[in-house]
Amino acid sequence: MANAAAPAGSSNIAFRTDDGAILRGWHFLPKNGGADRAPLIVLHHGFSGVKEFYLDKFADVFAEAGLGALVYDPRGFGDSEGRIRQEIDPFQQVSDFRDAISFGSTLPRVDPDRIGVWGCSYGGGVAIQATALDQRIGCIVVQVPFLSGGGYWSQVPPEARKHLSQIFAQDRRARATGQLPMMAAVAAEDTTKTLCVLPTQDSWEFCTRQMAPIAPNWKNEVTLRSFEMIGSFEPLAYLHRITPRPLMFIGAENDSLIPFELAKQAFETVGEPKQLLALPSGHFDCYGADFERSASAARDWYVKHLVAR
């Protein structure tokens, strides 16, 4: 599988994970020239997201400030390999993210002692857990981060949870006999007719009107097991292990998917250095109306803690 054409200022990269899967993406060099080694920011997209959707925009903002950046398609998505396509295993994504850091540390002009990470939504949860487990990461920014599978399921009505549990069990039985995995939509216009993971109107509008037109590798489907595994992913339990490394939370006060109060409460449990940026917007606005504000805040956090130190 070939890599998509790299944006200006970047080059195609491919790296092998610990278990041999090849993941593909782009490496952005710092735009300040020279041969000195610079910090590297490794980015992870949200649930089912691929690199073509705005990761290059964030990476470009970071590169303008003298930071290198590495973006890639998660296992099983976009240009990356994966035994099971469209499957999101959050624990595998954490492992792959750490492999991306290992690879990135070997790239030209990268200072392996100044690694930062960035994650959005579900990718924010991946970044949190990876940072907690990996002391090579010196700085982290997460925007509208996923924090708790239990919190996610608590928002699902009891009857719907019961129905989903039955479907999950059916899928497990089918896969145990060698059948193809059952699938679910990422988002749907009518959630009463279509099983989907992100059941809000702004999720549907974001996926179909913003992401799909500029990210042709994106598909509106994931395996049903991806849906099931959300419930076992608890980045919140790892959050305290990030301290004393610098942590920035970028939250959305009108978030329809991840309640802002949950993010705010989680942030308050973390030690310094830390910063909370509360945007008066929705979950997906950091890719649109609030892009400049969220990207520049992240950039300034990295510059302060990775460049200026």
Protein backbone atom coordinates (compact mmCIF):
# COMPACT_ATOMS: atom_id res chain seq x y z
CA MET A 1 0.00 0.00 0.00
CA ALA A 2 1.52 3.29 -1.12
CA ASN A 3 1.65 6.41 1.00
CA ALA A 4 -0.41 9.44 -0.01
CA ALA A 5 1.54 12.33 -1.50
CA ALA A 6 3.29 14.25 1.25
CA PRO A 7 2.26 17.88 1.81
CA ALA A 8 4.74 20.68 1.20
CA GLY A 9 7.44 20.77 3.82
CA SER A 10 7.13 17.09 4.66
CA SER A 11 8.31 13.72 3.40
CA ASN A 12 6.76 10.28 3.32
CA ILE A 13 7.78 7.94 6.12
CA ALA A 14 7.04 4.34 7.02
CA PHE A 15 7.96 2.47 10.16
CA ARG A 16 7.56 -1.03 11.47
CA THR A 17 5.81 -1.65 14.77
CA ASP A 18 7.03 -4.08 17.38
CA ASP A 19 4.88 -6.86 15.88
CA GLY A 20 5.82 -6.09 12.27
CA ALA A 21 2.96 -3.95 10.95
CA ILE A 22 4.03 -1.10 8.66
CA LEU A 23 2.49 2.27 9.47
CA ARG A 24 2.78 5.17 7.05
CA GLY A 25 2.73 8.91 7.44
CA TRP A 26 4.61 12.18 7.02
CA HIS A 27 7.59 13.83 8.69
CA PHE A 28 7.63 17.63 8.85
CA LEU A 29 11.02 19.27 9.30
CA PRO A 30 11.35 22.49 11.32
CA LYS A 31 11.19 25.51 9.03
CA ASN A 32 13.91 27.48 10.75
CA GLY A 33 16.64 25.86 8.63
CA GLY A 34 20.05 24.86 9.92
CA ALA A 35 21.35 21.49 10.94
CA ASP A 36 20.67 21.68 14.68
CA ARG A 37 18.53 18.98 16.19
CA ALA A 38 15.04 20.11 17.22
CA PRO A 39 12.13 18.80 19.30
CA LEU A 40 9.71 16.40 17.63
CA ILE A 41 5.94 16.38 18.14
CA VAL A 42 4.18 13.07 17.41
CA LEU A 43 0.47 13.49 16.63
CA HIS A 44 -2.45 11.07 16.99
CA HIS A 45 -5.89 11.63 15.45
CA GLY A 46 -9.30 10.98 16.96
CA PHE A 47 -11.61 7.99 16.53
CA SER A 48 -11.19 6.63 12.96
CA GLY A 49 -9.38 9.79 11.81
CA VAL A 50 -6.71 9.71 9.10
CA LYS A 51 -3.73 11.98 8.61
CA GLU A 52 -5.11 13.92 5.64
CA PHE A 53 -7.68 15.59 7.83
CA TYR A 54 -5.99 18.57 9.47
CA LEU A 55 -3.05 16.74 11.05
CA ASP A 56 -0.87 18.34 8.39
CA LYS A 57 -2.28 21.76 9.35
CA PHE A 58 -1.33 21.32 13.00
CA ALA A 59 2.06 19.90 12.03
CA ASP A 60 2.70 22.89 9.78
CA VAL A 61 1.99 25.33 12.63
CA PHE A 62 4.46 23.45 14.80
CA ALA A 63 7.08 23.37 12.03
CA GLU A 64 6.84 27.15 11.61
CA ALA A 65 7.89 27.46 15.26
CA GLY A 66 11.01 25.32 14.82
CA LEU A 67 9.45 22.01 15.83
CA GLY A 68 9.57 18.80 13.85
CA ALA A 69 6.34 16.80 13.58
CA LEU A 70 5.38 13.23 12.74
CA VAL A 71 1.86 12.22 11.70
CA TYR A 72 0.69 8.80 10.58
CA ASP A 73 -2.38 6.71 9.87
CA PRO A 74 -3.22 4.36 12.74
CA ARG A 75 -2.98 0.63 12.20
CA GLY A 76 -5.71 -0.63 9.89
CA PHE A 77 -6.62 2.84 8.60
CA GLY A 78 -5.68 4.92 5.58
CA ASP A 79 -2.26 4.06 4.15
CA SER A 80 -1.14 1.95 7.10
CA GLU A 81 -1.18 -1.81 7.27
CA GLY A 82 -3.30 -3.82 9.67
CA ARG A 83 -4.46 -7.42 9.78
CA ILE A 84 -8.02 -6.26 10.43
CA ARG A 85 -9.03 -3.12 8.56
CA GLN A 86 -11.01 -0.39 10.34
CA GLU A 87 -10.43 -1.87 13.79
CA ILE A 88 -9.52 0.42 16.70
CA ASP A 89 -7.83 -1.33 19.58
CA PRO A 90 -6.92 1.50 21.97
CA PHE A 91 -4.25 -0.53 23.74
CA GLN A 92 -2.64 -1.45 20.42
CA GLN A 93 -2.80 2.20 19.41
CA VAL A 94 -0.91 3.17 22.58
CA SER A 95 1.77 0.60 21.75
CA ASP A 96 1.97 1.78 18.13
CA PHE A 97 2.20 5.40 19.29
CA ARG A 98 5.24 4.50 21.37
CA ASP A 99 6.72 2.75 18.32
CA ALA A 100 6.16 5.96 16.35
CA ILE A 101 8.17 7.80 18.99
CA SER A 102 10.96 5.24 18.72
CA PHE A 103 11.05 5.69 14.96
CA GLY A 104 10.77 9.46 15.14
CA SER A 105 13.72 9.61 17.51
CA THR A 106 15.93 8.26 14.72
CA LEU A 107 14.94 10.85 12.10
CA PRO A 108 17.25 13.62 10.86
CA ARG A 109 17.35 16.79 12.96
CA VAL A 110 15.39 15.20 15.81
CA ASP A 111 16.56 15.61 19.39
CA PRO A 112 15.41 12.35 21.05
CA ASP A 113 15.55 14.03 24.45
CA ARG A 114 12.89 16.57 23.44
CA ILE A 115 9.81 14.61 22.39
CA GLY A 116 6.31 16.03 22.69
CA VAL A 117 2.96 14.43 21.88
CA TRP A 118 -0.39 15.78 20.70
CA GLY A 119 -3.71 13.97 20.62
CA CYS A 120 -7.29 14.90 19.85
CA SER A 121 -10.44 13.24 21.21
CA TYR A 122 -9.84 9.45 21.27
CA GLY A 123 -6.26 10.18 20.24
CA GLY A 124 -6.02 12.41 23.30
CA GLY A 125 -6.69 9.34 25.41
CA VAL A 126 -4.00 7.45 23.50
CA ALA A 127 -1.55 10.31 24.10
CA ILE A 128 -2.37 10.44 27.83
CA GLN A 129 -1.85 6.73 28.39
CA ALA A 130 1.31 6.63 26.27
CA THR A 131 2.77 9.59 28.17
CA ALA A 132 1.99 7.98 31.50
CA LEU A 133 3.84 4.84 30.43
CA ASP A 134 6.74 6.35 28.48
CA GLN A 135 9.22 8.68 30.16
CA ARG A 136 10.73 9.64 26.80
CA ILE A 137 7.75 11.97 26.34
CA GLY A 138 8.61 15.35 27.80
CA CYS A 139 5.50 17.41 27.03
CA ILE A 140 1.87 16.73 26.09
CA VAL A 141 -1.08 18.61 24.62
CA VAL A 142 -4.53 17.03 24.37
CA GLN A 143 -7.63 18.66 22.96
CA VAL A 144 -11.17 17.52 23.80
CA PRO A 145 -9.56 14.32 25.14
CA PHE A 146 -11.36 11.02 25.64
CA LEU A 147 -10.89 10.12 29.29
CA SER A 148 -13.11 7.23 30.34
CA GLY A 149 -14.82 4.29 28.71
CA GLY A 150 -16.97 3.96 31.80
CA GLY A 151 -17.96 7.59 31.44
CA TYR A 152 -18.85 7.00 27.79
CA TRP A 153 -21.07 4.04 28.60
CA SER A 154 -22.77 5.85 31.47
CA GLN A 155 -24.29 8.17 28.85
CA VAL A 156 -25.86 5.21 27.00
CA PRO A 157 -29.42 4.38 28.17
CA PRO A 158 -29.73 1.00 30.00
CA GLU A 159 -31.87 -0.63 27.31
CA ALA A 160 -29.42 0.42 24.62
CA ARG A 161 -26.51 -0.95 26.67
CA LYS A 162 -28.31 -4.27 26.99
CA HIS A 163 -28.95 -4.40 23.25
CA LEU A 164 -25.34 -3.52 22.45
CA SER A 165 -24.05 -6.21 24.80
CA GLN A 166 -26.08 -8.78 22.90
CA ILE A 167 -24.71 -7.58 19.56
CA PHE A 168 -21.15 -7.60 20.91
CA ALA A 169 -21.61 -11.20 22.07
CA GLN A 170 -22.98 -12.17 18.65
CA ASP A 171 -19.96 -10.60 16.97
CA ARG A 172 -17.55 -12.43 19.27
CA ARG A 173 -19.20 -15.77 18.51
CA ALA A 174 -19.05 -15.08 14.77
CA ARG A 175 -15.38 -14.08 14.84
CA ALA A 176 -14.55 -17.16 16.90
CA THR A 177 -15.79 -19.30 13.99
CA GLY A 178 -13.76 -17.40 11.41
CA GLN A 179 -16.45 -15.09 10.10
CA LEU A 180 -15.73 -11.52 9.10
CA PRO A 181 -16.14 -8.91 11.83
CA MET A 182 -19.43 -7.09 12.13
CA MET A 183 -19.25 -3.38 11.37
CA ALA A 184 -20.74 -0.18 12.77
CA ALA A 185 -20.89 3.33 11.37
CA VAL A 186 -18.71 6.01 12.90
CA ALA A 187 -21.55 8.54 12.64
CA ALA A 188 -25.07 8.49 11.22
CA GLU A 189 -27.67 11.01 10.12
CA ASP A 190 -30.47 8.97 11.71
CA THR A 191 -29.21 7.11 14.77
CA THR A 192 -32.57 5.37 15.22
CA LYS A 193 -31.92 3.43 12.02
CA THR A 194 -28.13 3.06 11.94
CA LEU A 195 -25.86 1.72 14.67
CA CYS A 196 -23.04 4.22 15.14
CA VAL A 197 -20.31 5.07 17.64
CA LEU A 198 -20.61 8.87 17.67
CA PRO A 199 -24.38 9.45 17.92
CA THR A 200 -24.56 13.23 17.73
CA GLN A 201 -25.65 15.48 14.90
CA ASP A 202 -22.41 17.44 14.93
CA SER A 203 -20.50 14.15 14.57
CA TRP A 204 -22.43 13.35 11.40
CA GLU A 205 -21.97 16.83 9.98
CA PHE A 206 -18.26 16.87 10.81
CA CYS A 207 -17.58 13.46 9.30
CA THR A 208 -19.57 13.93 6.10
CA ARG A 209 -19.17 17.65 5.41
CA GLN A 210 -15.68 18.37 6.71
CA MET A 211 -13.64 15.19 6.88
CA ALA A 212 -14.83 13.04 3.98
CA PRO A 213 -14.30 15.67 1.21
CA ILE A 214 -10.62 16.25 2.05
CA ALA A 215 -9.70 12.82 3.44
CA PRO A 216 -10.58 10.27 0.75
CA ASN A 217 -8.99 7.46 2.78
CA TRP A 218 -11.51 7.95 5.58
CA LYS A 219 -14.39 5.47 5.78
CA ASN A 220 -17.55 5.79 7.82
CA GLU A 221 -17.18 2.39 9.42
CA VAL A 222 -15.30 0.56 12.15
CA THR A 223 -15.47 -2.99 13.40
CA LEU A 224 -18.03 -3.64 16.09
CA ARG A 225 -15.21 -4.71 18.38
CA SER A 226 -13.83 -1.16 18.09
CA PHE A 227 -17.12 0.00 19.59
CA GLU A 228 -16.96 -2.62 22.34
CA MET A 229 -13.37 -1.82 23.31
CA ILE A 230 -14.25 1.80 24.09
CA GLY A 231 -15.68 0.56 27.37
CA SER A 232 -12.35 -0.84 28.58
CA PHE A 233 -10.24 2.22 27.74
CA GLU A 234 -9.60 4.38 30.83
CA PRO A 235 -6.91 7.02 30.19
CA LEU A 236 -8.18 8.92 33.24
CA ALA A 237 -6.69 6.22 35.46
CA TYR A 238 -3.23 7.05 34.06
CA LEU A 239 -3.49 10.83 34.10
CA HIS A 240 -1.77 11.36 37.46
CA ARG A 241 1.33 9.56 36.19
CA ILE A 242 2.10 12.37 33.74
CA THR A 243 3.10 14.84 36.47
CA PRO A 244 5.57 16.62 36.62
CA ARG A 245 5.77 16.73 32.84
CA PRO A 246 4.01 19.73 31.25
CA LEU A 247 0.38 19.03 30.35
CA MET A 248 -2.03 21.24 28.39
CA PHE A 249 -5.75 20.47 28.18
CA ILE A 250 -7.75 22.17 25.43
CA GLY A 251 -11.44 21.68 26.17
CA ALA A 252 -14.72 22.68 24.53
CA GLU A 253 -17.37 24.08 26.84
CA ASN A 254 -20.19 22.96 24.51
CA ASP A 255 -18.79 19.49 23.80
CA SER A 256 -21.61 17.10 22.86
CA LEU A 257 -19.44 13.97 23.09
CA ILE A 258 -17.08 14.46 26.05
CA PRO A 259 -18.59 16.61 28.81
CA PHE A 260 -16.36 19.59 29.53
CA GLU A 261 -16.95 19.25 33.27
CA LEU A 262 -15.36 15.79 33.20
CA ALA A 263 -12.26 17.19 31.50
CA LYS A 264 -12.15 20.12 33.91
CA GLN A 265 -12.41 17.86 36.96
CA ALA A 266 -9.71 15.57 35.59
CA PHE A 267 -7.43 18.51 34.91
CA GLU A 268 -7.77 19.71 38.50
CA THR A 269 -6.34 16.41 39.80
CA VAL A 270 -3.05 16.84 37.93
CA GLY A 271 0.01 18.57 39.35
CA GLU A 272 1.93 21.45 37.81
CA PRO A 273 3.05 22.44 35.26
CA LYS A 274 -0.30 22.47 33.54
CA GLN A 275 -2.65 24.74 31.62
CA LEU A 276 -6.34 24.54 30.72
CA LEU A 277 -7.68 26.36 27.66
CA ALA A 278 -11.49 26.40 27.60
CA LEU A 279 -12.95 27.17 24.18
CA PRO A 280 -16.59 28.37 23.98
CA SER A 281 -17.35 25.88 21.23
CA GLY A 282 -18.16 22.28 20.32
CA HIS A 283 -16.16 19.08 20.09
CA PHE A 284 -15.09 19.46 16.46
CA ASP A 285 -14.53 23.22 16.27
CA CYS A 286 -10.80 22.85 16.97
CA TYR A 287 -10.58 21.75 13.32
CA GLY A 288 -12.60 24.71 12.08
CA ALA A 289 -13.47 28.01 13.72
CA ASP A 290 -11.12 27.46 16.65
CA PHE A 291 -8.22 25.95 14.72
CA GLU A 292 -5.96 28.99 14.96
CA ARG A 293 -6.54 29.37 18.67
CA SER A 294 -6.06 25.69 19.54
CA ALA A 295 -3.05 25.18 17.25
CA SER A 296 -1.27 28.32 18.43
CA ALA A 297 -1.87 27.46 22.09
CA ALA A 298 -0.37 24.01 21.56
CA ARG A 299 2.56 25.51 19.65
CA ASP A 300 3.30 27.99 22.42
CA TRP A 301 3.18 25.23 25.05
CA TYR A 302 5.73 23.16 23.15
CA VAL A 303 7.97 26.16 22.53
CA LYS A 304 7.90 27.07 26.20
CA HIS A 305 8.70 23.58 27.47
CA LEU A 306 10.72 21.97 24.67
CA VAL A 307 12.42 24.78 22.74
CA ALA A 308 13.08 27.45 25.34
CA ARG A 309 14.31 25.18 28.07
